[in-house]
C-alpha atoms as a PDB file:
ATOM      1  CA  UNK A   1     -15.614 -12.565  -5.927  1.00  0.00           C
ATOM      2  CA  UNK A   2     -13.445  -9.485  -4.628  1.00  0.00           C
ATOM      3  CA  UNK A   3     -13.048  -8.824  -1.260  1.00  0.00           C
ATOM      4  CA  UNK A   4     -12.335  -5.188  -0.515  1.00  0.00           C
ATOM      5  CA  UNK A   5     -11.109  -3.384   3.512  1.00  0.00           C
ATOM      6  CA  UNK A   6     -10.577  -0.463   4.594  1.00  0.00           C
ATOM      7  CA  UNK A   7      -8.491   0.445   8.382  1.00  0.00           C
ATOM      8  CA  UNK A   8      -8.247   3.910   9.589  1.00  0.00           C
ATOM      9  CA  UNK A   9      -8.059   2.757  13.112  1.00  0.00           C
ATOM     10  CA  UNK A  10      -5.862   0.534  13.838  1.00  0.00           C
ATOM     11  CA  UNK A  11      -2.678   2.397  13.662  1.00  0.00           C
ATOM     12  CA  UNK A  12      -1.115   5.383  14.747  1.00  0.00           C
ATOM     13  CA  UNK A  13      -0.103   6.256  10.972  1.00  0.00           C
ATOM     14  CA  UNK A  14      -0.502   5.204   7.691  1.00  0.00           C
ATOM     15  CA  UNK A  15       0.656   3.161   6.334  1.00  0.00           C
ATOM     16  CA  UNK A  16       3.209   0.323   7.450  1.00  0.00           C
ATOM     17  CA  UNK A  17       4.213  -2.685   5.305  1.00  0.00           C
ATOM     18  CA  UNK A  18       5.279  -4.861   8.041  1.00  0.00           C
ATOM     19  CA  UNK A  19       2.127  -4.698   9.833  1.00  0.00           C
ATOM     20  CA  UNK A  20       0.006  -5.473   6.651  1.00  0.00           C
ATOM     21  CA  UNK A  21       2.742  -8.184   6.205  1.00  0.00           C
ATOM     22  CA  UNK A  22       1.745  -9.799   9.444  1.00  0.00           C
ATOM     23  CA  UNK A  23      -1.451  -9.581   8.735  1.00  0.00           C
ATOM     24  CA  UNK A  24      -2.269 -11.792   6.642  1.00  0.00           C
ATOM     25  CA  UNK A  25       0.242 -14.477   7.271  1.00  0.00           C
ATOM     26  CA  UNK A  26       3.306 -13.103   5.163  1.00  0.00           C
ATOM     27  CA  UNK A  27       1.312 -14.383   1.976  1.00  0.00           C
ATOM     28  CA  UNK A  28       2.783 -11.788   0.079  1.00  0.00           C
ATOM     29  CA  UNK A  29       5.539 -13.780  -0.466  1.00  0.00           C
ATOM     30  CA  UNK A  30       3.874 -15.839  -2.724  1.00  0.00           C
ATOM     31  CA  UNK A  31       3.396 -13.041  -5.141  1.00  0.00           C
ATOM     32  CA  UNK A  32       4.763 -10.929  -7.079  1.00  0.00           C
ATOM     33  CA  UNK A  33       4.392  -7.294  -6.989  1.00  0.00           C
ATOM     34  CA  UNK A  34       3.749  -4.075  -9.013  1.00  0.00           C
ATOM     35  CA  UNK A  35       4.205  -1.033  -7.182  1.00  0.00           C
ATOM     36  CA  UNK A  36       2.914   1.876  -8.655  1.00  0.00           C
ATOM     37  CA  UNK A  37       1.784   5.339  -7.938  1.00  0.00           C
ATOM     38  CA  UNK A  38       4.464   5.555  -4.705  1.00  0.00           C
ATOM     39  CA  UNK A  39       4.845   8.631  -2.652  1.00  0.00           C
ATOM     40  CA  UNK A  40       7.101   7.173   0.289  1.00  0.00           C
ATOM     41  CA  UNK A  41      10.424   8.579   2.063  1.00  0.00           C
ATOM     42  CA  UNK A  42      12.874   6.232   2.692  1.00  0.00           C
ATOM     43  CA  UNK A  43      15.619   6.870   4.585  1.00  0.00           C
ATOM     44  CA  UNK A  44      17.739   4.339   2.421  1.00  0.00           C
ATOM     45  CA  UNK A  45      18.656   5.799  -0.895  1.00  0.00           C
ATOM     46  CA  UNK A  46      18.439   2.557  -2.795  1.00  0.00           C
ATOM     47  CA  UNK A  47      15.118   1.503  -1.321  1.00  0.00           C
ATOM     48  CA  UNK A  48      13.865   5.188  -2.323  1.00  0.00           C
ATOM     49  CA  UNK A  49      15.346   4.861  -6.010  1.00  0.00           C
ATOM     50  CA  UNK A  50      13.481   2.326  -6.624  1.00  0.00           C
ATOM     51  CA  UNK A  51       9.744   3.233  -5.491  1.00  0.00           C
ATOM     52  CA  UNK A  52       9.800   6.034  -6.680  1.00  0.00           C
ATOM     53  CA  UNK A  53       9.544   5.638 -10.569  1.00  0.00           C
ATOM     54  CA  UNK A  54       7.159   5.145 -12.696  1.00  0.00           C
ATOM     55  CA  UNK A  55       6.696   1.763 -11.170  1.00  0.00           C
ATOM     56  CA  UNK A  56       9.114  -1.383  -9.793  1.00  0.00           C
ATOM     57  CA  UNK A  57       8.671  -4.980 -10.142  1.00  0.00           C
ATOM     58  CA  UNK A  58       9.811  -7.272  -7.461  1.00  0.00           C
ATOM     59  CA  UNK A  59       9.083 -10.506  -6.589  1.00  0.00           C
ATOM     60  CA  UNK A  60       7.586 -10.772  -2.885  1.00  0.00           C
ATOM     61  CA  UNK A  61      10.758 -12.377  -1.031  1.00  0.00           C
ATOM     62  CA  UNK A  62      12.456  -8.975  -2.069  1.00  0.00           C
ATOM     63  CA  UNK A  63       9.548  -7.077  -0.818  1.00  0.00           C
ATOM     64  CA  UNK A  64       9.534  -8.524   2.385  1.00  0.00           C
ATOM     65  CA  UNK A  65      13.437  -8.204   2.490  1.00  0.00           C
ATOM     66  CA  UNK A  66      12.732  -4.280   1.555  1.00  0.00           C
ATOM     67  CA  UNK A  67      10.609  -3.811   4.147  1.00  0.00           C
ATOM     68  CA  UNK A  68      12.611  -5.421   6.610  1.00  0.00           C
ATOM     69  CA  UNK A  69      15.383  -3.105   6.340  1.00  0.00           C
ATOM     70  CA  UNK A  70      13.213  -0.343   6.799  1.00  0.00           C
ATOM     71  CA  UNK A  71       9.742  -0.174   7.547  1.00  0.00           C
ATOM     72  CA  UNK A  72       9.310   3.475   6.632  1.00  0.00           C
ATOM     73  CA  UNK A  73       5.536   5.065   6.310  1.00  0.00           C
ATOM     74  CA  UNK A  74       3.939   4.728   2.968  1.00  0.00           C
ATOM     75  CA  UNK A  75       2.045   8.266   2.036  1.00  0.00           C
ATOM     76  CA  UNK A  76       0.868   6.711  -1.958  1.00  0.00           C
ATOM     77  CA  UNK A  77       0.837   4.175  -3.840  1.00  0.00           C
ATOM     78  CA  UNK A  78      -0.768   0.869  -4.598  1.00  0.00           C
ATOM     79  CA  UNK A  79       0.995  -2.758  -4.507  1.00  0.00           C
ATOM     80  CA  UNK A  80      -0.247  -4.911  -6.423  1.00  0.00           C
ATOM     81  CA  UNK A  81      -0.112  -8.871  -6.283  1.00  0.00           C
ATOM     82  CA  UNK A  82       0.158 -11.335  -8.481  1.00  0.00           C
ATOM     83  CA  UNK A  83       0.754 -15.112  -9.186  1.00  0.00           C
ATOM     84  CA  UNK A  84       4.464 -15.935 -10.203  1.00  0.00           C
ATOM     85  CA  UNK A  85       3.421 -17.433 -13.806  1.00  0.00           C
ATOM     86  CA  UNK A  86       2.012 -13.887 -14.171  1.00  0.00           C
ATOM     87  CA  UNK A  87       4.725 -12.164 -16.559  1.00  0.00           C
ATOM     88  CA  UNK A  88       5.556  -8.546 -16.282  1.00  0.00           C
ATOM     89  CA  UNK A  89       4.871  -8.604 -20.087  1.00  0.00           C
ATOM     90  CA  UNK A  90       1.759  -9.501 -19.570  1.00  0.00           C
ATOM     91  CA  UNK A  91       0.596  -6.957 -16.562  1.00  0.00           C
ATOM     92  CA  UNK A  92       1.874  -3.793 -18.712  1.00  0.00           C
ATOM     93  CA  UNK A  93      -0.439  -4.382 -21.119  1.00  0.00           C
ATOM     94  CA  UNK A  94      -3.042  -2.673 -18.828  1.00  0.00           C
ATOM     95  CA  UNK A  95      -2.939   1.005 -17.665  1.00  0.00           C
ATOM     96  CA  UNK A  96      -0.639   1.334 -14.715  1.00  0.00           C
ATOM     97  CA  UNK A  97      -3.111   0.849 -11.070  1.00  0.00           C
ATOM     98  CA  UNK A  98      -3.134   4.347  -9.490  1.00  0.00           C
ATOM     99  CA  UNK A  99      -4.713   5.935  -6.065  1.00  0.00           C
ATOM    100  CA  UNK A 100      -4.166   9.396  -5.946  1.00  0.00           C
ATOM    101  CA  UNK A 101      -7.546   9.907  -6.492  1.00  0.00           C
ATOM    102  CA  UNK A 102     -10.423   9.208  -4.297  1.00  0.00           C
ATOM    103  CA  UNK A 103     -12.993   7.813  -6.411  1.00  0.00           C
ATOM    104  CA  UNK A 104     -10.479   4.794  -7.464  1.00  0.00           C
ATOM    105  CA  UNK A 105     -11.700   2.737  -5.708  1.00  0.00           C
ATOM    106  CA  UNK A 106     -14.907   3.596  -4.987  1.00  0.00           C
ATOM    107  CA  UNK A 107     -16.891   1.588  -7.091  1.00  0.00           C
ATOM    108  CA  UNK A 108     -19.201  -1.298  -6.418  1.00  0.00           C
ATOM    109  CA  UNK A 109     -18.614  -4.158  -6.405  1.00  0.00           C
ATOM    110  CA  UNK A 110     -15.711  -3.817  -5.016  1.00  0.00           C
ATOM    111  CA  UNK A 111     -12.589  -5.145  -7.243  1.00  0.00           C
ATOM    112  CA  UNK A 112      -9.330  -4.958  -8.199  1.00  0.00           C
ATOM    113  CA  UNK A 113      -7.512  -2.194 -11.050  1.00  0.00           C
ATOM    114  CA  UNK A 114      -4.980  -4.472 -12.522  1.00  0.00           C
ATOM    115  CA  UNK A 115      -6.958  -7.063 -14.061  1.00  0.00           C
ATOM    116  CA  UNK A 116      -4.531  -9.649 -13.545  1.00  0.00           C
ATOM    117  CA  UNK A 117      -3.685  -9.072  -9.567  1.00  0.00           C
ATOM    118  CA  UNK A 118      -4.519 -11.172  -7.267  1.00  0.00           C
ATOM    119  CA  UNK A 119      -4.108  -8.758  -4.157  1.00  0.00           C
ATOM    120  CA  UNK A 120      -3.990  -5.231  -3.861  1.00  0.00           C
ATOM    121  CA  UNK A 121      -2.792  -2.780  -1.017  1.00  0.00           C
ATOM    122  CA  UNK A 122      -3.212   0.593  -1.211  1.00  0.00           C
ATOM    123  CA  UNK A 123      -1.596   3.555   0.714  1.00  0.00           C
ATOM    124  CA  UNK A 124      -3.967   6.644   0.620  1.00  0.00           C
ATOM    125  CA  UNK A 125      -2.758   9.740   1.568  1.00  0.00           C
ATOM    126  CA  UNK A 126      -1.367   8.917   5.108  1.00  0.00           C
ATOM    127  CA  UNK A 127      -4.983   8.647   6.104  1.00  0.00           C
ATOM    128  CA  UNK A 128      -5.392   4.529   5.645  1.00  0.00           C
ATOM    129  CA  UNK A 129      -5.266   1.536   3.971  1.00  0.00           C
ATOM    130  CA  UNK A 130      -7.292  -0.456   1.538  1.00  0.00           C
ATOM    131  CA  UNK A 131      -6.782  -4.126   1.129  1.00  0.00           C
ATOM    132  CA  UNK A 132      -8.526  -5.526  -2.119  1.00  0.00           C
ATOM    133  CA  UNK A 133      -8.374  -9.284  -3.111  1.00  0.00           C
ATOM    134  CA  UNK A 134      -9.175 -12.236  -4.953  1.00  0.00           C
ATOM    135  CA  UNK A 135      -8.433 -14.428  -2.042  1.00  0.00           C
ATOM    136  CA  UNK A 136     -10.976 -14.600   1.113  1.00  0.00           C
ATOM    137  CA  UNK A 137      -8.447 -15.828   2.975  1.00  0.00           C
ATOM    138  CA  UNK A 138      -5.963 -12.893   3.326  1.00  0.00           C
ATOM    139  CA  UNK A 139      -9.272 -10.790   3.907  1.00  0.00           C
ATOM    140  CA  UNK A 140     -10.421 -12.810   6.868  1.00  0.00           C
ATOM    141  CA  UNK A 141      -6.746 -13.127   7.904  1.00  0.00           C
ATOM    142  CA  UNK A 142      -6.400  -9.476   7.930  1.00  0.00           C
ATOM    143  CA  UNK A 143      -9.718  -8.806  10.147  1.00  0.00           C
ATOM    144  CA  UNK A 144      -8.888 -11.702  12.527  1.00  0.00           C
ATOM    145  CA  UNK A 145      -6.113  -9.344  13.171  1.00  0.00           C
ATOM    146  CA  UNK A 146      -7.844  -6.057  13.667  1.00  0.00           C
ATOM    147  CA  UNK A 147     -11.005  -6.503  14.010  1.00  0.00           C
ATOM    148  CA  UNK A 148     -12.147  -2.919  13.751  1.00  0.00           C
ATOM    149  CA  UNK A 149     -11.381  -2.324  10.009  1.00  0.00           C
ATOM    150  CA  UNK A 150     -14.692  -1.929   7.599  1.00  0.00           C
ATOM    151  CA  UNK A 151     -15.795  -3.425   4.566  1.00  0.00           C
ATOM    152  CA  UNK A 152     -15.078  -1.957   1.903  1.00  0.00           C
ATOM    153  CA  UNK A 153     -18.526  -2.269  -0.118  1.00  0.00           C
ATOM    154  CA  UNK A 154     -19.850  -1.116   3.127  1.00  0.00           C
ATOM    155  CA  UNK A 155     -17.910   2.378   3.706  1.00  0.00           C
ATOM    156  CA  UNK A 156     -17.582   2.812   0.271  1.00  0.00           C
ATOM    157  CA  UNK A 157     -22.354   3.199   0.327  1.00  0.00           C
ATOM    158  CA  UNK A 158     -22.151   5.008   3.486  1.00  0.00           C
ATOM    159  CA  UNK A 159     -23.764   1.640   5.405  1.00  0.00           C
END
């Protein structure tokens, strides 16, 4: 089963990964990350060069370190978390996830874009953050931290 939520009422501006990581109890460290369709403007040129390309492959620890260096706003982007034993070679056999399309996460039942991904975090046009996960603990942890979030399935159906 997959669980999804929309966070569009807990932060002044979206998406700041430090807040997302805090809400999932820093579970990002347990995964390797494929970052795609990214638009952000960090001040640090190395971070900017790393993220603003077709895709970025980075460990959870490296991603955490990057956000600790500079907690910039993510305007667009899909961050797909994979179990550490899944190789980049396996991942790249599938299309790269994307976000700059309103309907990309509008399907029911809720699902991750990349079939090998366990956790996806998506920044949608500085408007809201999506979290989609196969691990209910991440979903529950986020809701505990930010109870005003909306269930993605209900959000998609308008209920």
